[in-house]
N, C-alpha and C. Protein backbone atom coordinates (compact mmCIF):
# COMPACT_ATOMS: atom_id res chain seq x y z
N UNK A 1 132.79 23.27 61.79
CA UNK A 1 131.66 23.48 60.86
C UNK A 1 130.57 24.32 61.55
N UNK A 2 130.31 24.13 62.86
CA UNK A 2 129.30 24.93 63.61
C UNK A 2 129.61 26.36 63.60
N UNK A 3 130.90 26.73 63.87
CA UNK A 3 131.37 28.08 63.92
C UNK A 3 131.23 28.74 62.50
N UNK A 4 131.63 27.97 61.50
CA UNK A 4 131.53 28.48 60.18
C UNK A 4 130.10 28.84 59.82
N UNK A 5 129.21 27.87 60.17
CA UNK A 5 127.77 28.12 59.95
C UNK A 5 127.21 29.30 60.61
N UNK A 6 127.60 29.51 61.86
CA UNK A 6 127.14 30.72 62.55
C UNK A 6 127.70 31.96 61.95
N UNK A 7 129.03 31.86 61.56
CA UNK A 7 129.60 33.08 60.96
C UNK A 7 128.84 33.47 59.66
N UNK A 8 128.49 32.50 58.85
CA UNK A 8 127.80 32.81 57.58
C UNK A 8 126.38 33.35 57.88
N UNK A 9 125.77 32.79 58.87
CA UNK A 9 124.43 33.28 59.27
C UNK A 9 124.48 34.75 59.71
N UNK A 10 125.47 35.05 60.52
CA UNK A 10 125.62 36.44 60.96
C UNK A 10 125.97 37.44 59.94
N UNK A 11 126.74 36.93 59.02
CA UNK A 11 127.20 37.79 57.86
C UNK A 11 125.96 38.12 57.04
N UNK A 12 125.15 37.10 56.71
CA UNK A 12 123.95 37.35 55.93
C UNK A 12 122.95 38.26 56.60
N UNK A 13 122.80 38.08 57.93
CA UNK A 13 121.91 38.96 58.69
C UNK A 13 122.40 40.35 58.65
N UNK A 14 123.73 40.53 58.69
CA UNK A 14 124.32 41.87 58.69
C UNK A 14 124.05 42.58 57.33
N UNK A 15 124.21 41.76 56.26
CA UNK A 15 124.01 42.38 54.91
C UNK A 15 122.55 42.83 54.78
N UNK A 16 121.59 41.94 55.19
CA UNK A 16 120.22 42.29 54.96
C UNK A 16 119.78 43.51 55.85
N UNK A 17 120.33 43.54 57.05
CA UNK A 17 120.02 44.65 57.95
C UNK A 17 120.56 45.87 57.45
N UNK A 18 121.82 45.86 56.94
CA UNK A 18 122.44 47.05 56.28
C UNK A 18 121.63 47.57 55.17
N UNK A 19 121.18 46.62 54.34
CA UNK A 19 120.41 47.05 53.18
C UNK A 19 119.16 47.83 53.57
N UNK A 20 118.47 47.34 54.59
CA UNK A 20 117.28 48.06 55.05
C UNK A 20 117.58 49.42 55.59
N UNK A 21 118.64 49.52 56.36
CA UNK A 21 119.01 50.79 56.97
C UNK A 21 119.34 51.81 55.79
N UNK A 22 120.18 51.36 54.89
CA UNK A 22 120.64 52.30 53.77
C UNK A 22 119.44 52.74 52.92
N UNK A 23 118.40 51.98 52.79
CA UNK A 23 117.27 52.37 52.00
C UNK A 23 116.61 53.60 52.49
N UNK A 24 116.75 53.91 53.82
CA UNK A 24 116.09 55.08 54.42
C UNK A 24 117.18 56.13 54.74
N UNK A 25 118.40 55.85 54.55
CA UNK A 25 119.47 56.83 54.94
C UNK A 25 119.53 57.90 53.99
N UNK A 26 119.54 59.16 54.39
CA UNK A 26 119.62 60.32 53.48
C UNK A 26 121.01 60.35 52.83
N UNK A 27 121.05 60.59 51.53
CA UNK A 27 122.31 60.60 50.81
C UNK A 27 122.48 61.90 50.06
N UNK A 28 123.61 62.44 50.09
CA UNK A 28 124.00 63.53 49.16
C UNK A 28 123.35 64.89 49.46
N UNK A 29 122.51 64.99 50.43
CA UNK A 29 121.83 66.30 50.76
C UNK A 29 121.08 66.82 49.54
N UNK A 30 120.46 65.89 48.75
CA UNK A 30 119.65 66.23 47.57
C UNK A 30 120.50 67.06 46.57
N UNK A 31 121.72 66.65 46.37
CA UNK A 31 122.60 67.27 45.34
C UNK A 31 122.21 66.76 43.97
N UNK A 32 122.59 67.56 42.97
CA UNK A 32 122.26 67.16 41.57
C UNK A 32 123.14 66.06 41.16
N UNK A 33 122.72 65.21 40.23
CA UNK A 33 123.47 64.10 39.71
C UNK A 33 123.10 63.91 38.19
N UNK A 34 123.93 63.22 37.49
CA UNK A 34 123.64 62.99 36.07
C UNK A 34 123.05 61.63 35.94
N UNK A 35 121.90 61.60 35.28
CA UNK A 35 121.12 60.36 35.12
C UNK A 35 121.75 59.57 33.93
N UNK A 36 121.36 58.33 33.74
CA UNK A 36 121.77 57.47 32.65
C UNK A 36 120.60 56.82 32.01
N UNK A 37 120.78 56.48 30.70
CA UNK A 37 119.75 55.71 30.05
C UNK A 37 118.68 56.55 29.43
N UNK A 38 118.84 57.86 29.17
CA UNK A 38 117.87 58.70 28.65
C UNK A 38 118.35 59.18 27.25
N UNK A 39 117.44 59.28 26.31
CA UNK A 39 117.85 59.85 24.99
C UNK A 39 118.31 61.26 25.08
N UNK A 40 117.86 62.05 26.08
CA UNK A 40 118.25 63.39 26.28
C UNK A 40 118.86 63.40 27.72
N UNK A 41 120.06 63.98 27.86
CA UNK A 41 120.78 64.02 29.03
C UNK A 41 119.93 64.75 30.06
N UNK A 42 119.73 64.14 31.24
CA UNK A 42 118.95 64.86 32.25
C UNK A 42 119.65 64.87 33.63
N UNK A 43 119.44 65.88 34.34
CA UNK A 43 119.99 66.00 35.69
C UNK A 43 118.91 65.60 36.67
N UNK A 44 119.38 64.81 37.71
CA UNK A 44 118.44 64.37 38.71
C UNK A 44 118.87 64.84 40.08
N UNK A 45 118.15 64.34 41.11
CA UNK A 45 118.50 64.62 42.49
C UNK A 45 118.93 63.37 43.16
N UNK A 46 120.05 63.31 43.84
CA UNK A 46 120.56 62.11 44.54
C UNK A 46 119.74 61.91 45.79
N UNK A 47 118.95 60.74 45.74
CA UNK A 47 118.12 60.39 46.92
C UNK A 47 118.28 58.90 47.24
N UNK A 48 117.89 58.51 48.36
CA UNK A 48 117.80 57.04 48.57
C UNK A 48 116.59 56.47 47.82
N UNK A 49 116.65 55.19 47.51
CA UNK A 49 115.63 54.65 46.64
C UNK A 49 114.23 54.79 47.18
N UNK A 50 114.03 54.72 48.48
CA UNK A 50 112.74 54.86 49.11
C UNK A 50 112.17 56.29 48.82
N UNK A 51 112.94 57.35 49.08
CA UNK A 51 112.53 58.72 48.87
C UNK A 51 112.14 58.92 47.46
N UNK A 52 112.91 58.37 46.53
CA UNK A 52 112.67 58.57 45.08
C UNK A 52 111.31 58.01 44.74
N UNK A 53 111.02 56.81 45.22
CA UNK A 53 109.71 56.22 44.92
C UNK A 53 108.54 56.91 45.56
N UNK A 54 108.75 57.42 46.79
CA UNK A 54 107.69 58.14 47.48
C UNK A 54 107.36 59.49 46.82
N UNK A 55 108.30 60.08 46.17
CA UNK A 55 108.14 61.38 45.46
C UNK A 55 107.79 61.19 44.00
N UNK A 56 107.45 59.93 43.64
CA UNK A 56 107.05 59.64 42.18
C UNK A 56 108.18 59.99 41.20
N UNK A 57 109.46 59.79 41.64
CA UNK A 57 110.56 59.92 40.64
C UNK A 57 110.91 58.59 40.12
N UNK A 58 111.87 58.62 39.12
CA UNK A 58 112.35 57.44 38.45
C UNK A 58 113.85 57.33 38.67
N UNK A 59 114.24 56.19 39.25
CA UNK A 59 115.72 56.03 39.50
C UNK A 59 116.43 55.74 38.13
N UNK A 60 117.51 56.50 37.95
CA UNK A 60 118.23 56.49 36.66
C UNK A 60 119.72 56.53 36.94
N UNK A 61 120.28 55.42 37.41
CA UNK A 61 121.68 55.33 37.75
C UNK A 61 121.94 55.55 39.27
N UNK A 62 123.18 55.36 39.66
CA UNK A 62 123.60 55.41 41.00
C UNK A 62 124.25 56.79 41.29
N UNK A 63 124.33 57.07 42.58
CA UNK A 63 125.04 58.23 43.10
C UNK A 63 125.50 57.99 44.54
N UNK A 64 126.26 58.93 45.08
CA UNK A 64 126.71 58.76 46.43
C UNK A 64 127.47 57.45 46.64
N UNK A 65 128.37 57.12 45.67
CA UNK A 65 129.15 55.91 45.79
C UNK A 65 128.28 54.66 45.89
N UNK A 66 127.20 54.72 45.14
CA UNK A 66 126.35 53.54 45.05
C UNK A 66 125.31 53.40 46.20
N UNK A 67 125.28 54.35 47.15
CA UNK A 67 124.35 54.32 48.24
C UNK A 67 122.96 54.92 47.87
N UNK A 68 122.98 55.75 46.83
CA UNK A 68 121.70 56.41 46.47
C UNK A 68 121.40 56.19 44.96
N UNK A 69 120.37 56.76 44.49
CA UNK A 69 119.97 56.63 43.05
C UNK A 69 119.80 58.10 42.55
N UNK A 70 120.07 58.25 41.28
CA UNK A 70 119.87 59.54 40.63
C UNK A 70 118.36 59.59 40.27
N UNK A 71 117.60 60.34 41.00
CA UNK A 71 116.17 60.37 40.87
C UNK A 71 115.70 61.50 39.87
N UNK A 72 115.05 61.11 38.81
CA UNK A 72 114.64 62.11 37.76
C UNK A 72 113.13 62.21 37.85
N UNK A 73 112.68 63.52 37.82
CA UNK A 73 111.28 63.84 37.94
C UNK A 73 110.79 64.34 36.53
N UNK A 74 109.73 63.79 36.07
CA UNK A 74 109.13 64.18 34.78
C UNK A 74 107.63 64.28 34.90
N UNK A 75 107.11 65.29 34.14
CA UNK A 75 105.63 65.36 33.98
C UNK A 75 105.31 65.64 32.56
N UNK A 76 104.07 65.39 32.23
CA UNK A 76 103.54 65.76 30.87
C UNK A 76 102.17 66.38 31.10
N UNK A 77 101.42 66.56 30.01
CA UNK A 77 100.15 67.28 30.13
C UNK A 77 99.24 66.71 31.20
N UNK A 78 98.65 67.54 32.00
CA UNK A 78 97.76 67.14 33.07
C UNK A 78 98.48 66.85 34.37
N UNK A 79 99.80 66.96 34.41
CA UNK A 79 100.56 66.64 35.62
C UNK A 79 100.79 67.83 36.56
N UNK A 80 101.34 67.54 37.69
CA UNK A 80 101.67 68.60 38.71
C UNK A 80 103.06 68.44 39.11
N UNK A 81 103.77 69.61 39.07
CA UNK A 81 105.12 69.60 39.53
C UNK A 81 105.18 69.86 41.04
N UNK A 82 105.79 68.95 41.75
CA UNK A 82 105.85 69.07 43.23
C UNK A 82 107.29 68.90 43.70
N UNK A 83 108.24 68.74 42.82
CA UNK A 83 109.60 68.53 43.15
C UNK A 83 110.50 69.52 42.37
N UNK A 84 111.62 70.01 42.95
CA UNK A 84 112.53 70.89 42.32
C UNK A 84 113.24 70.03 41.18
N UNK A 85 113.69 70.81 40.17
CA UNK A 85 114.37 70.18 39.04
C UNK A 85 113.50 69.11 38.37
N UNK A 86 112.37 69.53 37.83
CA UNK A 86 111.46 68.60 37.25
C UNK A 86 111.43 68.96 35.64
N UNK A 87 111.26 67.85 34.84
CA UNK A 87 111.22 68.07 33.43
C UNK A 87 109.83 67.88 32.89
N UNK A 88 109.42 68.87 32.08
CA UNK A 88 108.13 68.72 31.34
C UNK A 88 108.42 68.18 30.00
N UNK A 89 107.78 67.17 29.61
CA UNK A 89 107.91 66.57 28.27
C UNK A 89 106.54 66.67 27.49
N UNK A 90 106.63 67.04 26.28
CA UNK A 90 105.37 67.04 25.47
C UNK A 90 105.02 65.53 25.28
N UNK A 91 103.75 65.26 25.06
CA UNK A 91 103.26 63.90 24.89
C UNK A 91 104.05 63.10 23.80
N UNK A 92 104.53 61.93 24.11
CA UNK A 92 105.28 61.17 23.14
C UNK A 92 106.65 61.60 22.71
N UNK A 93 107.22 62.61 23.50
CA UNK A 93 108.52 63.06 23.14
C UNK A 93 109.49 61.92 23.05
N UNK A 94 110.44 61.94 22.01
CA UNK A 94 110.81 63.00 21.10
C UNK A 94 109.94 63.03 19.78
N UNK A 95 108.88 62.22 19.66
CA UNK A 95 108.04 62.32 18.60
C UNK A 95 107.31 63.68 18.51
N UNK A 96 106.87 64.08 17.33
CA UNK A 96 106.09 65.34 17.19
C UNK A 96 104.75 65.19 17.82
N UNK A 97 104.29 66.32 18.38
CA UNK A 97 103.01 66.44 19.08
C UNK A 97 102.04 67.27 18.30
N UNK A 98 100.79 66.76 18.09
CA UNK A 98 99.91 67.48 17.23
C UNK A 98 99.31 68.67 17.92
N UNK A 99 99.21 68.62 19.25
CA UNK A 99 98.70 69.78 20.02
C UNK A 99 97.27 70.04 19.76
N UNK A 100 96.43 69.02 19.63
CA UNK A 100 95.00 69.23 19.31
C UNK A 100 94.31 69.94 20.40
N UNK A 101 94.73 69.79 21.67
CA UNK A 101 94.04 70.43 22.86
C UNK A 101 95.15 71.19 23.61
N UNK A 102 94.69 72.16 24.43
CA UNK A 102 95.64 72.86 25.31
C UNK A 102 96.26 71.81 26.26
N UNK A 103 97.54 72.04 26.58
CA UNK A 103 98.23 71.16 27.49
C UNK A 103 98.52 72.06 28.76
N UNK A 104 98.06 71.54 29.89
CA UNK A 104 98.23 72.41 31.10
C UNK A 104 98.89 71.49 32.18
N UNK A 105 99.86 72.08 32.86
CA UNK A 105 100.45 71.49 34.07
C UNK A 105 100.36 72.54 35.20
N UNK A 106 100.52 72.10 36.41
CA UNK A 106 100.52 72.98 37.58
C UNK A 106 101.77 72.88 38.33
N UNK A 107 102.27 73.97 38.79
CA UNK A 107 103.56 74.04 39.55
C UNK A 107 103.27 74.48 40.96
N UNK A 108 103.65 73.58 41.93
CA UNK A 108 103.45 73.84 43.33
C UNK A 108 104.79 74.17 43.96
N UNK A 109 104.74 75.13 44.87
CA UNK A 109 106.00 75.48 45.64
C UNK A 109 106.38 74.25 46.51
N UNK A 110 107.66 74.09 46.60
CA UNK A 110 108.14 73.02 47.57
C UNK A 110 108.24 73.51 48.97
N UNK A 111 108.31 74.84 49.13
CA UNK A 111 108.17 75.41 50.42
C UNK A 111 107.79 76.91 50.26
N UNK A 112 107.31 77.59 51.37
CA UNK A 112 106.79 78.90 51.32
C UNK A 112 107.78 79.95 50.86
N UNK A 113 109.06 79.65 51.09
CA UNK A 113 110.14 80.67 50.69
C UNK A 113 110.31 80.80 49.26
N UNK A 114 109.79 80.00 48.44
CA UNK A 114 110.06 80.08 47.03
C UNK A 114 109.46 81.34 46.43
N UNK A 115 110.36 82.06 45.67
CA UNK A 115 109.87 83.30 45.11
C UNK A 115 109.87 83.30 43.60
N UNK A 116 110.71 82.38 42.98
CA UNK A 116 110.91 82.45 41.48
C UNK A 116 110.87 81.01 40.96
N UNK A 117 110.48 80.94 39.65
CA UNK A 117 110.64 79.77 38.82
C UNK A 117 111.74 79.99 37.81
N UNK A 118 112.62 79.03 37.60
CA UNK A 118 113.56 79.19 36.52
C UNK A 118 113.20 78.02 35.49
N UNK A 119 113.04 78.41 34.27
CA UNK A 119 112.65 77.43 33.25
C UNK A 119 113.76 77.42 32.21
N UNK A 120 114.44 76.27 32.05
CA UNK A 120 115.53 76.02 31.05
C UNK A 120 114.79 75.29 29.88
N UNK A 121 114.93 75.95 28.72
CA UNK A 121 114.36 75.34 27.49
C UNK A 121 115.39 74.40 26.91
N UNK A 122 115.26 73.15 26.92
CA UNK A 122 116.18 72.19 26.33
C UNK A 122 115.89 72.03 24.88
N UNK A 123 114.58 71.72 24.58
CA UNK A 123 114.12 71.69 23.21
C UNK A 123 112.75 72.41 23.23
N UNK A 124 112.72 73.48 22.43
CA UNK A 124 111.40 74.26 22.49
C UNK A 124 111.22 74.89 21.08
N UNK A 125 110.19 74.36 20.39
CA UNK A 125 109.88 74.84 19.08
C UNK A 125 108.37 74.83 18.93
N UNK A 126 107.77 76.05 18.83
CA UNK A 126 106.34 76.22 18.57
C UNK A 126 106.20 77.32 17.53
N UNK A 127 105.03 77.69 17.22
CA UNK A 127 104.78 78.68 16.16
C UNK A 127 105.43 80.05 16.49
N UNK A 128 105.78 80.77 15.48
CA UNK A 128 106.47 82.04 15.61
C UNK A 128 105.45 83.13 15.93
N UNK A 129 105.89 84.21 16.51
CA UNK A 129 104.92 85.33 16.84
C UNK A 129 104.52 86.04 15.54
N UNK A 130 103.43 86.75 15.60
CA UNK A 130 102.98 87.56 14.46
C UNK A 130 104.00 88.52 14.01
N UNK A 131 104.35 88.45 12.73
CA UNK A 131 105.43 89.31 12.21
C UNK A 131 105.10 90.76 12.33
N UNK A 132 103.94 91.14 12.29
CA UNK A 132 103.56 92.60 12.33
C UNK A 132 103.49 93.06 13.75
N UNK A 133 102.87 92.28 14.62
CA UNK A 133 102.67 92.85 16.03
C UNK A 133 103.62 92.26 17.06
N UNK A 134 104.27 91.19 16.73
CA UNK A 134 105.15 90.54 17.73
C UNK A 134 104.40 89.75 18.77
N UNK A 135 103.14 89.63 18.62
CA UNK A 135 102.29 88.88 19.65
C UNK A 135 102.24 87.41 19.23
N UNK A 136 102.01 86.58 20.26
CA UNK A 136 101.88 85.15 20.12
C UNK A 136 100.40 84.83 19.85
N UNK A 137 99.96 85.04 18.63
CA UNK A 137 98.53 84.94 18.24
C UNK A 137 98.08 83.50 18.22
N UNK A 138 98.97 82.57 17.87
CA UNK A 138 98.55 81.21 17.66
C UNK A 138 99.12 80.31 18.66
N UNK A 139 100.25 79.67 18.42
CA UNK A 139 100.90 78.82 19.44
C UNK A 139 101.50 79.75 20.52
N UNK A 140 101.44 79.25 21.77
CA UNK A 140 101.96 79.99 22.86
C UNK A 140 102.19 79.17 24.14
N UNK A 141 103.16 79.53 24.90
CA UNK A 141 103.35 79.02 26.21
C UNK A 141 102.95 80.13 27.22
N UNK A 142 101.99 79.85 28.10
CA UNK A 142 101.49 80.82 29.01
C UNK A 142 101.73 80.43 30.43
N UNK A 143 102.55 81.19 31.09
CA UNK A 143 102.89 80.85 32.48
C UNK A 143 102.22 81.81 33.43
N UNK A 144 101.47 81.30 34.45
CA UNK A 144 100.75 82.15 35.32
C UNK A 144 99.37 82.52 34.80
N UNK A 145 98.72 83.39 35.48
CA UNK A 145 97.37 83.80 35.03
C UNK A 145 97.11 85.28 35.45
N UNK A 146 96.07 85.77 34.83
CA UNK A 146 95.77 87.18 35.09
C UNK A 146 96.75 88.17 34.57
N UNK A 147 96.92 89.32 35.25
CA UNK A 147 97.87 90.34 34.77
C UNK A 147 99.31 90.02 34.99
N UNK A 148 99.63 88.93 35.72
CA UNK A 148 101.01 88.61 35.97
C UNK A 148 101.52 87.49 35.03
N UNK A 149 100.71 87.10 34.07
CA UNK A 149 101.13 85.92 33.32
C UNK A 149 102.21 86.33 32.31
N UNK A 150 102.98 85.35 31.84
CA UNK A 150 104.09 85.57 30.93
C UNK A 150 103.86 84.62 29.70
N UNK A 151 103.95 85.25 28.54
CA UNK A 151 103.67 84.44 27.30
C UNK A 151 104.88 84.45 26.40
N UNK A 152 105.15 83.28 25.80
CA UNK A 152 106.29 83.07 24.98
C UNK A 152 105.93 82.15 23.79
N UNK A 153 106.59 82.37 22.61
CA UNK A 153 106.35 81.49 21.46
C UNK A 153 107.66 81.49 20.73
N UNK A 154 107.64 80.70 19.56
CA UNK A 154 108.81 80.68 18.74
C UNK A 154 109.77 79.53 19.13
N UNK A 155 111.01 79.74 18.64
CA UNK A 155 112.12 78.75 18.92
C UNK A 155 112.98 79.31 20.02
N UNK A 156 113.18 78.51 21.10
CA UNK A 156 113.91 79.00 22.28
C UNK A 156 114.81 77.92 22.80
N UNK A 157 115.45 77.17 21.93
CA UNK A 157 116.40 76.15 22.41
C UNK A 157 117.50 76.79 23.24
N UNK A 158 117.85 76.08 24.32
CA UNK A 158 119.01 76.43 25.15
C UNK A 158 118.85 77.82 25.81
N UNK A 159 117.64 78.37 25.81
CA UNK A 159 117.40 79.63 26.53
C UNK A 159 116.77 79.34 27.90
N UNK A 160 116.68 80.40 28.68
CA UNK A 160 115.97 80.21 29.97
C UNK A 160 115.31 81.52 30.38
N UNK A 161 114.27 81.38 31.27
CA UNK A 161 113.57 82.51 31.73
C UNK A 161 113.38 82.37 33.25
N UNK A 162 113.31 83.53 33.93
CA UNK A 162 112.88 83.55 35.36
C UNK A 162 111.51 84.16 35.49
N UNK A 163 110.70 83.58 36.31
CA UNK A 163 109.32 84.03 36.48
C UNK A 163 109.14 84.30 37.98
N UNK A 164 108.89 85.51 38.32
CA UNK A 164 108.67 85.87 39.76
C UNK A 164 107.18 85.59 40.10
N UNK A 165 107.03 84.71 41.16
CA UNK A 165 105.71 84.30 41.54
C UNK A 165 104.92 85.49 42.16
N UNK A 166 103.73 85.74 41.81
CA UNK A 166 102.99 86.88 42.47
C UNK A 166 102.82 86.72 43.91
N UNK A 167 102.82 87.75 44.68
CA UNK A 167 102.67 87.70 46.16
C UNK A 167 101.27 87.14 46.56
N UNK A 168 100.28 87.32 45.68
CA UNK A 168 98.95 86.89 45.97
C UNK A 168 98.74 85.44 45.97
N UNK A 169 99.83 84.67 45.55
CA UNK A 169 99.70 83.24 45.51
C UNK A 169 99.64 82.68 46.93
N UNK A 170 100.11 83.45 47.93
CA UNK A 170 99.97 83.08 49.34
C UNK A 170 98.65 83.55 49.96
N UNK A 171 97.84 82.66 50.49
CA UNK A 171 96.64 83.10 51.13
C UNK A 171 96.46 82.40 52.54
N UNK A 172 95.89 83.09 53.43
CA UNK A 172 95.69 82.52 54.79
C UNK A 172 94.43 83.07 55.43
N UNK A 173 93.63 82.14 55.92
CA UNK A 173 92.50 82.58 56.73
C UNK A 173 92.83 82.70 58.16
N UNK A 174 92.15 83.37 58.95
CA UNK A 174 92.38 83.63 60.37
C UNK A 174 92.51 82.24 61.05
N UNK A 175 93.61 82.12 61.79
CA UNK A 175 93.82 80.88 62.55
C UNK A 175 94.27 79.73 61.72
N UNK A 176 94.58 79.95 60.43
CA UNK A 176 95.01 78.81 59.64
C UNK A 176 96.45 79.00 59.11
N UNK A 177 97.08 77.90 58.79
CA UNK A 177 98.46 77.93 58.27
C UNK A 177 98.32 78.49 56.77
N UNK A 178 99.46 79.08 56.28
CA UNK A 178 99.38 79.60 54.91
C UNK A 178 99.16 78.43 53.89
N UNK A 179 98.41 78.72 52.87
CA UNK A 179 98.15 77.73 51.82
C UNK A 179 98.71 78.33 50.49
N UNK A 180 99.22 77.47 49.64
CA UNK A 180 99.81 77.91 48.42
C UNK A 180 99.03 77.43 47.20
N UNK A 181 98.66 78.35 46.36
CA UNK A 181 97.92 78.03 45.14
C UNK A 181 98.93 77.75 44.04
N UNK A 182 98.66 76.69 43.29
CA UNK A 182 99.63 76.31 42.25
C UNK A 182 99.62 77.30 41.08
N UNK A 183 100.73 77.36 40.41
CA UNK A 183 100.84 78.21 39.21
C UNK A 183 100.62 77.41 37.93
N UNK A 184 99.67 77.86 37.09
CA UNK A 184 99.46 77.07 35.82
C UNK A 184 100.44 77.37 34.81
N UNK A 185 100.78 76.37 33.94
CA UNK A 185 101.66 76.48 32.80
C UNK A 185 100.91 75.85 31.67
N UNK A 186 100.53 76.66 30.66
CA UNK A 186 99.70 76.17 29.60
C UNK A 186 100.38 76.34 28.25
N UNK A 187 100.30 75.15 27.41
CA UNK A 187 100.83 75.26 26.09
C UNK A 187 99.61 75.20 25.13
N UNK A 188 99.47 76.28 24.39
CA UNK A 188 98.29 76.49 23.54
C UNK A 188 98.73 76.32 22.09
N UNK A 189 98.19 75.35 21.34
CA UNK A 189 98.58 75.12 20.00
C UNK A 189 97.41 75.48 19.08
N UNK A 190 97.61 76.58 18.26
CA UNK A 190 96.55 77.04 17.38
C UNK A 190 97.06 77.10 15.94
N UNK A 191 98.37 76.82 15.70
CA UNK A 191 98.88 77.13 14.39
C UNK A 191 98.77 75.86 13.44
N UNK A 192 98.21 74.73 13.94
CA UNK A 192 98.03 73.60 13.00
C UNK A 192 99.30 72.87 12.71
N UNK A 193 100.41 73.10 13.51
CA UNK A 193 101.66 72.42 13.30
C UNK A 193 101.72 71.27 14.21
N UNK A 194 102.66 70.33 13.94
CA UNK A 194 102.98 69.37 14.87
C UNK A 194 103.99 69.96 15.85
N UNK A 195 104.15 69.38 17.04
CA UNK A 195 105.08 69.98 18.02
C UNK A 195 105.69 68.92 18.85
N UNK A 196 106.87 69.30 19.40
CA UNK A 196 107.57 68.37 20.27
C UNK A 196 108.29 69.16 21.37
N UNK A 197 108.46 68.58 22.55
CA UNK A 197 109.11 69.32 23.62
C UNK A 197 109.62 68.48 24.67
N UNK A 198 110.69 68.93 25.33
CA UNK A 198 111.20 68.37 26.52
C UNK A 198 111.46 69.56 27.46
N UNK A 199 110.74 69.86 28.30
CA UNK A 199 110.88 70.90 29.23
C UNK A 199 110.28 72.22 28.76
N UNK A 200 109.37 72.31 27.86
CA UNK A 200 108.57 73.50 27.61
C UNK A 200 108.25 73.63 26.13
N UNK A 201 107.09 73.31 25.69
CA UNK A 201 106.70 73.72 24.37
C UNK A 201 105.84 72.81 23.65
N UNK A 202 105.80 73.04 22.32
CA UNK A 202 104.88 72.29 21.59
C UNK A 202 105.44 71.75 20.30
N UNK A 203 106.37 71.55 19.86
CA UNK A 203 106.59 70.67 18.69
C UNK A 203 107.17 69.41 19.21
N UNK A 204 108.21 69.46 19.84
CA UNK A 204 108.88 68.37 20.49
C UNK A 204 109.55 69.05 21.59
N UNK A 205 109.00 69.10 22.77
CA UNK A 205 109.54 69.96 23.74
C UNK A 205 110.01 69.28 25.02
N UNK A 206 111.05 69.81 25.57
CA UNK A 206 111.52 69.37 26.94
C UNK A 206 111.97 70.50 27.68
N UNK A 207 111.42 70.72 28.86
CA UNK A 207 111.71 71.92 29.66
C UNK A 207 112.06 71.48 31.05
N UNK A 208 113.12 72.11 31.59
CA UNK A 208 113.52 71.86 33.02
C UNK A 208 113.03 73.01 33.87
N UNK A 209 112.34 72.68 34.92
CA UNK A 209 111.71 73.75 35.74
C UNK A 209 112.37 73.60 37.18
N UNK A 210 112.93 74.74 37.58
CA UNK A 210 113.61 74.85 38.95
C UNK A 210 112.86 75.87 39.78
N UNK A 211 112.74 75.63 41.07
CA UNK A 211 112.14 76.60 42.06
C UNK A 211 113.24 77.24 42.82
N UNK A 212 113.27 78.50 42.83
CA UNK A 212 114.40 79.21 43.48
C UNK A 212 113.82 80.25 44.49
N UNK A 213 114.71 80.59 45.47
CA UNK A 213 114.28 81.55 46.48
C UNK A 213 114.78 82.90 46.13
């Protein structure tokens, strides 16, 4: 009985110790994974549970043979994108969004070598461009600022765009490390329509944003 009790105690100790170790163990090399439990299929990054929480992600299913979680990153109006493969969702998605005020998010580079953004439009429906001029006079998605900004409107389901980050986004004072200014992404609603989105837009929008070198 004594040996059996010791064996049980050691086994339990081993299990709890293993659990603590695996919680910090890197899994999958941040490979993509398919999440579960979402109305819209989303791709996540395979991370250990601790890293997912620290990076403000949401665990959605297992990966790496159960050692990691499929971590999904989402933002909505007023948020900041700080992780690769992040989804922008319009407020209340998939319900329609009234767009009473401009919706702004900021995109930060994950490292200094990032040169481009790739935006995949999963659901994107906002007002159409002016029929005579082709300009986005009312509803618009505006990426960047100044002379390098990119403007888009209309229906763009299943489309994607690449946006080259301007060189001026990197700044450094003498004796200081480089600092990176975030890139604004603004959704402007002026057409009086409801909107929804998942990953970019204003009727009911969902947009997936990836940072590429």
